[in-house]
């Protein structure tokens, strides 16, 4: 019987999008810290965050799901989120306590993913609410950056308004992200048991 899952290989359009996202992360860092184009850096960070949805849509639409993509895409997401939040905090766009809580969550997700894989757990599908929380946070950090100015220049009225709204969304997104994190405990335990059972059968 033919398997329902067909690996499209590594040369796929979704993987190209993911690789471009990774390649542009240093460009974002350069724009933010080596130039005065803070708004441009903020928009680039927002676009890079949106490409996470683009490569997923391409994989489904073009039937180009691949094993490489399943590893590369979440890895790129983690790198982008971690670099983005550290950069925005360094630039004074967000308090370090907020960035720290976000960073701890991302590091825990990364470590647990590696540990589960090393213990032989089967792959865990990403929860839909996890994607929502990631999207909110990836929108929050560019907005925080957009509502600050180089050299501590005074904020415009629209920046004050957007920043207040961003705080509401940011706290909601971060809270949801932690709720989703604990929601993975059940699926992770099941994936670990399934993986170990499969190894015993072999």
Protein backbone atom coordinates (compact mmCIF):
# COMPACT_ATOMS: atom_id res chain seq x y z
CA UNK A 1 0.00 0.00 0.00
CA UNK A 2 1.37 3.45 -0.95
CA UNK A 3 2.24 5.71 1.94
CA UNK A 4 0.07 8.76 2.41
CA UNK A 5 3.15 10.83 3.06
CA UNK A 6 5.45 11.54 0.13
CA UNK A 7 8.72 13.29 0.89
CA UNK A 8 9.22 16.05 -1.69
CA UNK A 9 12.95 16.23 -0.94
CA UNK A 10 14.95 19.28 0.04
CA UNK A 11 14.69 21.21 -3.24
CA UNK A 12 11.24 22.71 -2.72
CA UNK A 13 9.79 26.21 -2.80
CA UNK A 14 8.84 26.13 0.90
CA UNK A 15 12.45 25.32 1.80
CA UNK A 16 13.65 28.17 -0.43
CA UNK A 17 11.41 30.58 1.48
CA UNK A 18 12.73 29.25 4.79
CA UNK A 19 16.36 29.59 3.68
CA UNK A 20 15.74 33.15 2.48
CA UNK A 21 14.23 33.92 5.89
CA UNK A 22 17.39 32.65 7.59
CA UNK A 23 19.64 34.57 5.20
CA UNK A 24 17.83 37.87 5.89
CA UNK A 25 18.16 37.68 9.68
CA UNK A 26 21.70 39.20 9.60
CA UNK A 27 20.34 41.94 7.31
CA UNK A 28 17.72 42.78 9.94
CA UNK A 29 20.42 42.94 12.63
CA UNK A 30 22.58 45.20 10.46
CA UNK A 31 19.70 47.58 9.69
CA UNK A 32 18.81 47.88 13.35
CA UNK A 33 22.26 48.39 14.85
CA UNK A 34 24.44 49.73 12.03
CA UNK A 35 22.01 52.23 10.50
CA UNK A 36 19.27 54.65 11.59
CA UNK A 37 16.65 52.79 9.54
CA UNK A 38 14.81 51.41 12.57
CA UNK A 39 11.41 51.46 10.85
CA UNK A 40 12.81 49.50 7.93
CA UNK A 41 14.28 46.95 10.34
CA UNK A 42 10.89 46.65 12.05
CA UNK A 43 9.09 46.04 8.76
CA UNK A 44 11.69 43.48 7.71
CA UNK A 45 11.24 41.62 10.99
CA UNK A 46 7.48 41.61 10.41
CA UNK A 47 7.89 40.26 6.87
CA UNK A 48 10.26 37.54 8.05
CA UNK A 49 7.74 36.48 10.67
CA UNK A 50 4.97 36.34 8.06
CA UNK A 51 7.00 34.04 5.81
CA UNK A 52 6.43 31.26 8.35
CA UNK A 53 2.85 31.13 7.12
CA UNK A 54 3.93 31.49 3.49
CA UNK A 55 6.16 28.40 3.43
CA UNK A 56 3.48 26.37 5.22
CA UNK A 57 0.89 27.44 2.66
CA UNK A 58 3.25 26.62 -0.21
CA UNK A 59 3.99 23.17 1.23
CA UNK A 60 0.28 22.34 1.39
CA UNK A 61 -0.71 23.97 -1.91
CA UNK A 62 2.16 22.53 -3.96
CA UNK A 63 2.22 19.20 -2.10
CA UNK A 64 5.88 19.80 -1.30
CA UNK A 65 5.99 18.58 2.27
CA UNK A 66 9.42 17.24 3.13
CA UNK A 67 11.30 15.78 6.06
CA UNK A 68 13.93 18.50 5.65
CA UNK A 69 11.22 21.14 5.74
CA UNK A 70 9.69 19.73 8.92
CA UNK A 71 13.06 20.19 10.62
CA UNK A 72 14.23 23.36 8.88
CA UNK A 73 11.02 25.39 9.28
CA UNK A 74 10.62 25.15 13.08
CA UNK A 75 14.37 25.63 13.50
CA UNK A 76 14.21 28.83 11.46
CA UNK A 77 11.21 29.95 13.52
CA UNK A 78 13.08 29.47 16.79
CA UNK A 79 16.16 31.31 15.48
CA UNK A 80 14.07 34.20 14.17
CA UNK A 81 12.07 34.57 17.38
CA UNK A 82 15.15 34.40 19.62
CA UNK A 83 17.23 36.80 17.51
CA UNK A 84 14.27 39.13 17.06
CA UNK A 85 13.37 39.42 20.73
CA UNK A 86 16.99 39.88 21.83
CA UNK A 87 17.55 42.54 19.16
CA UNK A 88 14.39 44.46 20.04
CA UNK A 89 15.28 44.35 23.75
CA UNK A 90 18.84 45.55 23.05
CA UNK A 91 17.40 48.41 20.99
CA UNK A 92 15.19 49.41 23.93
CA UNK A 93 11.98 48.48 22.16
CA UNK A 94 10.74 46.15 24.88
CA UNK A 95 11.67 45.66 28.57
CA UNK A 96 14.10 42.85 29.30
CA UNK A 97 11.63 41.13 31.64
CA UNK A 98 9.17 40.70 28.77
CA UNK A 99 11.89 39.53 26.39
CA UNK A 100 13.26 37.22 29.09
CA UNK A 101 9.94 35.47 29.69
CA UNK A 102 9.56 34.99 25.95
CA UNK A 103 13.14 33.75 25.62
CA UNK A 104 12.80 31.20 28.43
CA UNK A 105 9.76 29.72 26.71
CA UNK A 106 11.53 29.49 23.34
CA UNK A 107 14.63 27.91 24.88
CA UNK A 108 12.52 25.34 26.74
CA UNK A 109 10.68 24.43 23.54
CA UNK A 110 13.98 24.00 21.69
CA UNK A 111 15.60 21.91 24.45
CA UNK A 112 12.57 19.67 24.94
CA UNK A 113 12.31 19.10 21.19
CA UNK A 114 15.91 17.89 21.07
CA UNK A 115 15.51 15.76 24.21
CA UNK A 116 12.35 14.09 22.95
CA UNK A 117 13.98 13.33 19.61
CA UNK A 118 17.03 11.87 21.39
CA UNK A 119 14.75 9.65 23.50
CA UNK A 120 13.07 8.31 20.38
CA UNK A 121 9.75 10.13 20.54
CA UNK A 122 7.68 10.39 17.39
CA UNK A 123 7.14 13.79 15.84
CA UNK A 124 4.60 16.05 17.56
CA UNK A 125 2.32 18.08 15.33
CA UNK A 126 2.27 21.79 16.07
CA UNK A 127 -0.92 22.88 17.80
CA UNK A 128 -3.02 25.47 15.98
CA UNK A 129 -3.04 27.74 19.03
CA UNK A 130 0.74 27.47 19.08
CA UNK A 131 0.84 28.97 15.60
CA UNK A 132 -1.55 31.71 16.72
CA UNK A 133 0.60 32.62 19.72
CA UNK A 134 3.74 32.65 17.56
CA UNK A 135 2.01 34.89 15.02
CA UNK A 136 0.92 37.33 17.74
CA UNK A 137 4.42 37.52 19.20
CA UNK A 138 6.02 37.90 15.78
CA UNK A 139 3.66 40.82 15.18
CA UNK A 140 4.24 42.27 18.64
CA UNK A 141 8.02 42.63 18.50
CA UNK A 142 8.16 44.55 15.18
CA UNK A 143 5.44 46.88 16.52
CA UNK A 144 7.38 47.44 19.73
CA UNK A 145 10.39 48.31 17.59
CA UNK A 146 8.34 50.56 15.33
CA UNK A 147 7.13 52.52 18.35
CA UNK A 148 10.62 53.50 19.46
CA UNK A 149 13.04 55.90 17.83
CA UNK A 150 16.82 55.90 17.38
CA UNK A 151 18.80 57.99 19.87
CA UNK A 152 15.78 58.05 22.25
CA UNK A 153 13.96 60.63 20.16
CA UNK A 154 10.47 61.62 21.35
CA UNK A 155 7.59 59.43 20.21
CA UNK A 156 4.89 60.70 17.89
CA UNK A 157 1.25 60.53 18.99
CA UNK A 158 0.53 57.52 16.76
CA UNK A 159 3.48 55.68 18.28
CA UNK A 160 2.05 56.10 21.78
CA UNK A 161 -1.33 54.76 20.63
CA UNK A 162 0.15 51.80 18.75
CA UNK A 163 2.49 50.98 21.63
CA UNK A 164 -0.38 50.83 24.14
CA UNK A 165 -2.32 48.51 21.82
CA UNK A 166 0.80 46.42 21.27
CA UNK A 167 1.19 45.86 25.00
CA UNK A 168 -2.32 44.41 25.14
CA UNK A 169 -1.62 42.06 22.25
CA UNK A 170 1.85 41.20 23.50
CA UNK A 171 0.73 40.16 26.97
CA UNK A 172 -2.13 38.13 25.48
CA UNK A 173 0.20 36.42 23.00
CA UNK A 174 2.82 35.62 25.62
CA UNK A 175 0.22 34.24 28.02
CA UNK A 176 -1.23 32.08 25.25
CA UNK A 177 2.26 30.87 24.31
CA UNK A 178 2.86 29.56 27.84
CA UNK A 179 -0.58 27.92 27.98
CA UNK A 180 0.20 26.14 24.72
CA UNK A 181 3.60 25.11 26.07
CA UNK A 182 2.00 23.24 28.97
CA UNK A 183 -0.61 21.82 26.59
CA UNK A 184 2.19 19.91 24.86
CA UNK A 185 2.85 17.77 27.94
CA UNK A 186 0.16 15.24 27.00
CA UNK A 187 1.12 14.94 23.30
CA UNK A 188 4.81 14.76 24.25
CA UNK A 189 4.21 11.87 26.66
CA UNK A 190 2.18 10.05 24.00
CA UNK A 191 4.84 10.65 21.33
CA UNK A 192 7.54 9.31 23.65
CA UNK A 193 5.53 6.18 24.50
CA UNK A 194 4.69 5.59 20.83
CA UNK A 195 8.30 5.98 19.75
CA UNK A 196 9.59 3.59 22.40
CA UNK A 197 6.88 1.04 21.56
CA UNK A 198 7.86 1.16 17.91
CA UNK A 199 11.50 0.55 18.77
CA UNK A 200 10.60 -2.45 20.92
CA UNK A 201 8.64 -3.96 18.04
CA UNK A 202 11.67 -3.68 15.79
